[in-house]
Amino acid sequence: MKKFKFFLISLFFIFFFFFIPLPTYAIKFDLIAPQPPEGGFVRGQTVQFTINIDTQGGTVNSTQIGMTYDTRYLEYVSTTPGNAMTSVSTNNLGEGKLLFSGENTSGFSGQGTFAYVSLKIIAQAPGETELCVLWNPTTQPTSPPQPTSPPQPTSPPPTSGDVKGVYTNSFFGLIFIAVFLLFFWIKNLVK
């Protein structure tokens, strides 16, 4: 009877952890470069880059994204919020790194424009190069408060591309625990 009780308790915890839906949190940012005019860009011209956001079904009140630009060719001018955020502040970290913090007090869900970034061309000669890239800061976006559920943790974002929070480590930890409990139960059953 003791073995059967242990099995039922183990089975309950395994099902509890595997079948309770876990929220996923993902935000995707895209950097859109302006189309060059007929004769190309010229020194002293201000160009506007667009940062788009896709919450992929989630709702966010605030989030951050970083941008690196080549200081040999560009100079930061200004940032304007897009339709997704009511305000966007810029922290110039130096050496061509900018950190944008966007906020929307009513929450934003879906696809839209996070911000417009104006940069001035200071290149000495014409040419081609990678001018700007987005990077993910270490802080996490905030979700609107949920009155009936506690806050859910998110995993740190990758170094580039999609910003995703997925419970991968917890999932593999639970698999490890389930295999251990199953092995322990079978070992005791054989005795």
C-alpha atoms as a PDB file:
ATOM      1  CA  MET A   1       0.000   0.000   0.000  1.00  0.00           C
ATOM      2  CA  LYS A   2       2.879   2.364   0.791  1.00  0.00           C
ATOM      3  CA  LYS A   3       4.363   1.885  -2.671  1.00  0.00           C
ATOM      4  CA  PHE A   4       1.033   2.534  -4.322  1.00  0.00           C
ATOM      5  CA  LYS A   5       0.539   5.711  -2.251  1.00  0.00           C
ATOM      6  CA  PHE A   6       4.040   6.912  -3.191  1.00  0.00           C
ATOM      7  CA  PHE A   7       3.269   6.195  -6.850  1.00  0.00           C
ATOM      8  CA  LEU A   8       0.020   8.188  -6.726  1.00  0.00           C
ATOM      9  CA  ILE A   9       1.682  11.150  -5.043  1.00  0.00           C
ATOM     10  CA  SER A  10       4.532  11.081  -7.582  1.00  0.00           C
ATOM     11  CA  LEU A  11       2.053  10.824 -10.438  1.00  0.00           C
ATOM     12  CA  PHE A  12       0.075  13.785  -9.062  1.00  0.00           C
ATOM     13  CA  PHE A  13       3.170  16.017  -8.965  1.00  0.00           C
ATOM     14  CA  ILE A  14       4.279  14.954 -12.430  1.00  0.00           C
ATOM     15  CA  PHE A  15       0.857  15.750 -13.916  1.00  0.00           C
ATOM     16  CA  PHE A  16       0.637  18.965 -11.897  1.00  0.00           C
ATOM     17  CA  PHE A  17       3.900  20.310 -13.332  1.00  0.00           C
ATOM     18  CA  PHE A  18       3.419  19.094 -16.893  1.00  0.00           C
ATOM     19  CA  PHE A  19      -0.211  19.935 -17.487  1.00  0.00           C
ATOM     20  CA  ILE A  20      -0.517  23.328 -15.809  1.00  0.00           C
ATOM     21  CA  PRO A  21      -0.227  25.807 -18.685  1.00  0.00           C
ATOM     22  CA  LEU A  22       2.855  27.945 -18.345  1.00  0.00           C
ATOM     23  CA  PRO A  23       2.767  31.373 -19.935  1.00  0.00           C
ATOM     24  CA  THR A  24       5.356  32.210 -22.548  1.00  0.00           C
ATOM     25  CA  TYR A  25       6.618  35.687 -23.069  1.00  0.00           C
ATOM     26  CA  ALA A  26       8.045  36.847 -26.352  1.00  0.00           C
ATOM     27  CA  ILE A  27       8.654  40.206 -27.968  1.00  0.00           C
ATOM     28  CA  LYS A  28      10.171  40.593 -31.392  1.00  0.00           C
ATOM     29  CA  PHE A  29      11.909  43.766 -32.546  1.00  0.00           C
ATOM     30  CA  ASP A  30      12.871  44.643 -36.121  1.00  0.00           C
ATOM     31  CA  LEU A  31      15.141  47.476 -37.257  1.00  0.00           C
ATOM     32  CA  ILE A  32      14.066  48.980 -40.568  1.00  0.00           C
ATOM     33  CA  ALA A  33      16.620  51.095 -42.432  1.00  0.00           C
ATOM     34  CA  PRO A  34      15.439  53.978 -44.602  1.00  0.00           C
ATOM     35  CA  GLN A  35      15.428  53.580 -48.374  1.00  0.00           C
ATOM     36  CA  PRO A  36      18.315  55.543 -49.895  1.00  0.00           C
ATOM     37  CA  PRO A  37      17.376  58.418 -52.190  1.00  0.00           C
ATOM     38  CA  GLU A  38      18.201  58.325 -55.925  1.00  0.00           C
ATOM     39  CA  GLY A  39      21.762  59.622 -55.491  1.00  0.00           C
ATOM     40  CA  GLY A  40      22.354  57.849 -52.171  1.00  0.00           C
ATOM     41  CA  PHE A  41      22.795  59.360 -48.744  1.00  0.00           C
ATOM     42  CA  VAL A  42      25.125  62.323 -48.345  1.00  0.00           C
ATOM     43  CA  ARG A  43      27.219  63.660 -45.487  1.00  0.00           C
ATOM     44  CA  GLY A  44      25.188  65.895 -43.140  1.00  0.00           C
ATOM     45  CA  GLN A  45      21.867  64.260 -44.056  1.00  0.00           C
ATOM     46  CA  THR A  46      19.634  63.028 -41.220  1.00  0.00           C
ATOM     47  CA  VAL A  47      18.133  59.577 -41.775  1.00  0.00           C
ATOM     48  CA  GLN A  48      15.343  57.956 -39.792  1.00  0.00           C
ATOM     49  CA  PHE A  49      15.511  54.301 -38.726  1.00  0.00           C
ATOM     50  CA  THR A  50      12.315  52.555 -37.582  1.00  0.00           C
ATOM     51  CA  ILE A  51      12.170  50.035 -34.732  1.00  0.00           C
ATOM     52  CA  ASN A  52       9.093  47.822 -35.028  1.00  0.00           C
ATOM     53  CA  ILE A  53       7.684  45.707 -32.205  1.00  0.00           C
ATOM     54  CA  ASP A  54       5.594  42.527 -32.220  1.00  0.00           C
ATOM     55  CA  THR A  55       4.377  41.376 -28.797  1.00  0.00           C
ATOM     56  CA  GLN A  56       3.327  38.021 -30.282  1.00  0.00           C
ATOM     57  CA  GLY A  57       0.087  37.887 -28.341  1.00  0.00           C
ATOM     58  CA  GLY A  58       1.367  39.353 -25.082  1.00  0.00           C
ATOM     59  CA  THR A  59       0.590  42.753 -23.624  1.00  0.00           C
ATOM     60  CA  VAL A  60       3.374  45.010 -22.348  1.00  0.00           C
ATOM     61  CA  ASN A  61       3.380  48.273 -20.445  1.00  0.00           C
ATOM     62  CA  SER A  62       7.090  48.883 -20.810  1.00  0.00           C
ATOM     63  CA  THR A  63      10.066  47.315 -22.519  1.00  0.00           C
ATOM     64  CA  GLN A  64      13.620  48.083 -23.571  1.00  0.00           C
ATOM     65  CA  ILE A  65      15.744  47.467 -26.635  1.00  0.00           C
ATOM     66  CA  GLY A  66      19.291  48.515 -27.398  1.00  0.00           C
ATOM     67  CA  MET A  67      20.811  49.711 -30.649  1.00  0.00           C
ATOM     68  CA  THR A  68      24.450  49.910 -31.669  1.00  0.00           C
ATOM     69  CA  TYR A  69      25.553  52.164 -34.519  1.00  0.00           C
ATOM     70  CA  ASP A  70      28.909  52.814 -36.125  1.00  0.00           C
ATOM     71  CA  THR A  71      30.167  56.150 -34.757  1.00  0.00           C
ATOM     72  CA  ARG A  72      32.563  56.547 -37.698  1.00  0.00           C
ATOM     73  CA  TYR A  73      29.601  56.989 -40.045  1.00  0.00           C
ATOM     74  CA  LEU A  74      26.625  58.065 -37.905  1.00  0.00           C
ATOM     75  CA  GLU A  75      25.838  60.499 -35.102  1.00  0.00           C
ATOM     76  CA  TYR A  76      22.775  60.168 -32.856  1.00  0.00           C
ATOM     77  CA  VAL A  77      20.233  63.006 -33.205  1.00  0.00           C
ATOM     78  CA  SER A  78      16.910  62.089 -31.577  1.00  0.00           C
ATOM     79  CA  THR A  79      14.265  59.464 -30.796  1.00  0.00           C
ATOM     80  CA  THR A  80      10.499  59.754 -31.312  1.00  0.00           C
ATOM     81  CA  PRO A  81       7.943  57.243 -29.972  1.00  0.00           C
ATOM     82  CA  GLY A  82       5.970  55.209 -32.500  1.00  0.00           C
ATOM     83  CA  ASN A  83       2.327  54.178 -32.262  1.00  0.00           C
ATOM     84  CA  ALA A  84       3.070  51.286 -29.859  1.00  0.00           C
ATOM     85  CA  MET A  85       4.516  53.390 -27.022  1.00  0.00           C
ATOM     86  CA  THR A  86       3.260  56.617 -25.497  1.00  0.00           C
ATOM     87  CA  SER A  87       6.797  57.624 -24.516  1.00  0.00           C
ATOM     88  CA  VAL A  88      10.312  56.458 -25.382  1.00  0.00           C
ATOM     89  CA  SER A  89      13.398  57.645 -23.527  1.00  0.00           C
ATOM     90  CA  THR A  90      16.939  57.185 -24.805  1.00  0.00           C
ATOM     91  CA  ASN A  91      19.985  56.481 -22.685  1.00  0.00           C
ATOM     92  CA  ASN A  92      23.166  57.169 -24.662  1.00  0.00           C
ATOM     93  CA  LEU A  93      25.639  54.631 -23.254  1.00  0.00           C
ATOM     94  CA  GLY A  94      28.532  55.948 -25.368  1.00  0.00           C
ATOM     95  CA  GLU A  95      30.635  54.198 -27.997  1.00  0.00           C
ATOM     96  CA  GLY A  96      27.642  54.007 -30.339  1.00  0.00           C
ATOM     97  CA  LYS A  97      25.295  52.229 -27.905  1.00  0.00           C
ATOM     98  CA  LEU A  98      21.782  53.486 -27.240  1.00  0.00           C
ATOM     99  CA  LEU A  99      19.240  52.002 -24.829  1.00  0.00           C
ATOM    100  CA  PHE A 100      15.592  52.794 -25.590  1.00  0.00           C
ATOM    101  CA  SER A 101      12.977  52.451 -22.833  1.00  0.00           C
ATOM    102  CA  GLY A 102       9.412  52.539 -24.079  1.00  0.00           C
ATOM    103  CA  GLU A 103       6.290  52.890 -21.974  1.00  0.00           C
ATOM    104  CA  ASN A 104       2.590  52.567 -22.671  1.00  0.00           C
ATOM    105  CA  THR A 105       0.537  52.931 -19.479  1.00  0.00           C
ATOM    106  CA  SER A 106      -2.586  51.384 -21.021  1.00  0.00           C
ATOM    107  CA  GLY A 107      -0.595  48.426 -22.381  1.00  0.00           C
ATOM    108  CA  PHE A 108       0.210  47.476 -25.950  1.00  0.00           C
ATOM    109  CA  SER A 109      -0.503  44.206 -27.720  1.00  0.00           C
ATOM    110  CA  GLY A 110       0.178  43.300 -31.334  1.00  0.00           C
ATOM    111  CA  GLN A 111       2.411  44.782 -34.009  1.00  0.00           C
ATOM    112  CA  GLY A 112       3.396  48.412 -34.332  1.00  0.00           C
ATOM    113  CA  THR A 113       6.178  50.950 -34.355  1.00  0.00           C
ATOM    114  CA  PHE A 114       8.194  51.116 -31.136  1.00  0.00           C
ATOM    115  CA  ALA A 115      10.249  54.189 -32.045  1.00  0.00           C
ATOM    116  CA  TYR A 116      11.828  56.271 -34.783  1.00  0.00           C
ATOM    117  CA  VAL A 117      15.548  56.951 -34.391  1.00  0.00           C
ATOM    118  CA  SER A 118      17.136  59.845 -36.270  1.00  0.00           C
ATOM    119  CA  LEU A 119      20.842  59.612 -37.061  1.00  0.00           C
ATOM    120  CA  LYS A 120      23.033  62.067 -38.935  1.00  0.00           C
ATOM    121  CA  ILE A 121      25.438  60.789 -41.590  1.00  0.00           C
ATOM    122  CA  ILE A 122      29.010  61.893 -40.800  1.00  0.00           C
ATOM    123  CA  ALA A 123      30.867  59.483 -43.123  1.00  0.00           C
ATOM    124  CA  GLN A 124      33.827  61.021 -44.925  1.00  0.00           C
ATOM    125  CA  ALA A 125      33.382  59.009 -48.135  1.00  0.00           C
ATOM    126  CA  PRO A 126      30.654  56.940 -49.785  1.00  0.00           C
ATOM    127  CA  GLY A 127      30.581  53.198 -49.177  1.00  0.00           C
ATOM    128  CA  GLU A 128      28.656  50.289 -47.749  1.00  0.00           C
ATOM    129  CA  THR A 129      28.724  48.861 -44.229  1.00  0.00           C
ATOM    130  CA  GLU A 130      26.460  47.557 -41.490  1.00  0.00           C
ATOM    131  CA  LEU A 131      25.439  50.760 -39.744  1.00  0.00           C
ATOM    132  CA  CYS A 132      23.048  49.669 -36.984  1.00  0.00           C
ATOM    133  CA  VAL A 133      22.034  46.533 -35.098  1.00  0.00           C
ATOM    134  CA  LEU A 134      19.613  45.881 -32.256  1.00  0.00           C
ATOM    135  CA  TRP A 135      20.671  44.177 -29.032  1.00  0.00           C
ATOM    136  CA  ASN A 136      18.748  42.949 -26.026  1.00  0.00           C
ATOM    137  CA  PRO A 137      19.364  44.585 -22.657  1.00  0.00           C
ATOM    138  CA  THR A 138      19.449  42.536 -19.468  1.00  0.00           C
ATOM    139  CA  THR A 139      16.218  43.992 -18.066  1.00  0.00           C
ATOM    140  CA  GLN A 140      12.849  42.458 -18.839  1.00  0.00           C
ATOM    141  CA  PRO A 141       9.690  44.033 -20.240  1.00  0.00           C
ATOM    142  CA  THR A 142       6.833  44.444 -17.820  1.00  0.00           C
ATOM    143  CA  SER A 143       3.401  42.998 -18.318  1.00  0.00           C
ATOM    144  CA  PRO A 144       0.266  44.714 -17.105  1.00  0.00           C
ATOM    145  CA  PRO A 145      -0.639  43.724 -13.539  1.00  0.00           C
ATOM    146  CA  GLN A 146      -2.861  40.674 -13.206  1.00  0.00           C
ATOM    147  CA  PRO A 147      -5.112  40.996 -10.141  1.00  0.00           C
ATOM    148  CA  THR A 148      -5.868  37.265  -9.859  1.00  0.00           C
ATOM    149  CA  SER A 149      -2.432  35.783 -10.452  1.00  0.00           C
ATOM    150  CA  PRO A 150       1.067  36.401  -9.064  1.00  0.00           C
ATOM    151  CA  PRO A 151       3.777  37.825 -11.345  1.00  0.00           C
ATOM    152  CA  GLN A 152       5.424  35.268 -13.615  1.00  0.00           C
ATOM    153  CA  PRO A 153       9.206  35.211 -14.075  1.00  0.00           C
ATOM    154  CA  THR A 154      10.756  35.379 -17.511  1.00  0.00           C
ATOM    155  CA  SER A 155      14.105  34.118 -18.665  1.00  0.00           C
ATOM    156  CA  PRO A 156      16.834  36.535 -19.773  1.00  0.00           C
ATOM    157  CA  PRO A 157      16.725  37.430 -23.472  1.00  0.00           C
ATOM    158  CA  PRO A 158      19.201  36.118 -26.023  1.00  0.00           C
ATOM    159  CA  THR A 159      21.967  38.383 -27.296  1.00  0.00           C
ATOM    160  CA  SER A 160      20.219  39.205 -30.586  1.00  0.00           C
ATOM    161  CA  GLY A 161      17.040  38.533 -32.535  1.00  0.00           C
ATOM    162  CA  ASP A 162      13.791  37.635 -30.807  1.00  0.00           C
ATOM    163  CA  VAL A 163      13.331  38.433 -27.172  1.00  0.00           C
ATOM    164  CA  LYS A 164      11.833  35.304 -25.683  1.00  0.00           C
ATOM    165  CA  GLY A 165      11.148  34.067 -22.202  1.00  0.00           C
ATOM    166  CA  VAL A 166      10.496  30.337 -22.122  1.00  0.00           C
ATOM    167  CA  TYR A 167      10.572  27.983 -19.164  1.00  0.00           C
ATOM    168  CA  THR A 168      13.085  25.598 -20.759  1.00  0.00           C
ATOM    169  CA  ASN A 169      15.260  25.103 -17.678  1.00  0.00           C
ATOM    170  CA  SER A 170      12.234  24.386 -15.499  1.00  0.00           C
ATOM    171  CA  PHE A 171      10.919  21.924 -18.065  1.00  0.00           C
ATOM    172  CA  PHE A 172      14.160  19.936 -18.154  1.00  0.00           C
ATOM    173  CA  GLY A 173      14.402  20.079 -14.370  1.00  0.00           C
ATOM    174  CA  LEU A 174      10.934  18.605 -14.074  1.00  0.00           C
ATOM    175  CA  ILE A 175      11.812  15.872 -16.564  1.00  0.00           C
ATOM    176  CA  PHE A 176      14.882  15.052 -14.469  1.00  0.00           C
ATOM    177  CA  ILE A 177      12.769  14.878 -11.290  1.00  0.00           C
ATOM    178  CA  ALA A 178      10.132  12.732 -13.021  1.00  0.00           C
ATOM    179  CA  VAL A 179      12.757  10.273 -14.298  1.00  0.00           C
ATOM    180  CA  PHE A 180      14.362  10.137 -10.849  1.00  0.00           C
ATOM    181  CA  LEU A 181      11.011   9.461  -9.146  1.00  0.00           C
ATOM    182  CA  LEU A 182      10.113   6.838 -11.732  1.00  0.00           C
ATOM    183  CA  PHE A 183      13.486   5.116 -11.273  1.00  0.00           C
ATOM    184  CA  PHE A 184      13.100   5.243  -7.468  1.00  0.00           C
ATOM    185  CA  TRP A 185       9.578   3.837  -7.683  1.00  0.00           C
ATOM    186  CA  ILE A 186      10.615   0.980 -10.027  1.00  0.00           C
ATOM    187  CA  LYS A 187      13.606   0.180  -7.808  1.00  0.00           C
ATOM    188  CA  ASN A 188      11.344  -0.082  -4.738  1.00  0.00           C
ATOM    189  CA  LEU A 189       8.766  -2.083  -6.692  1.00  0.00           C
ATOM    190  CA  VAL A 190      11.347  -4.691  -7.720  1.00  0.00           C
ATOM    191  CA  LYS A 191      12.498  -5.312  -4.111  1.00  0.00           C
END
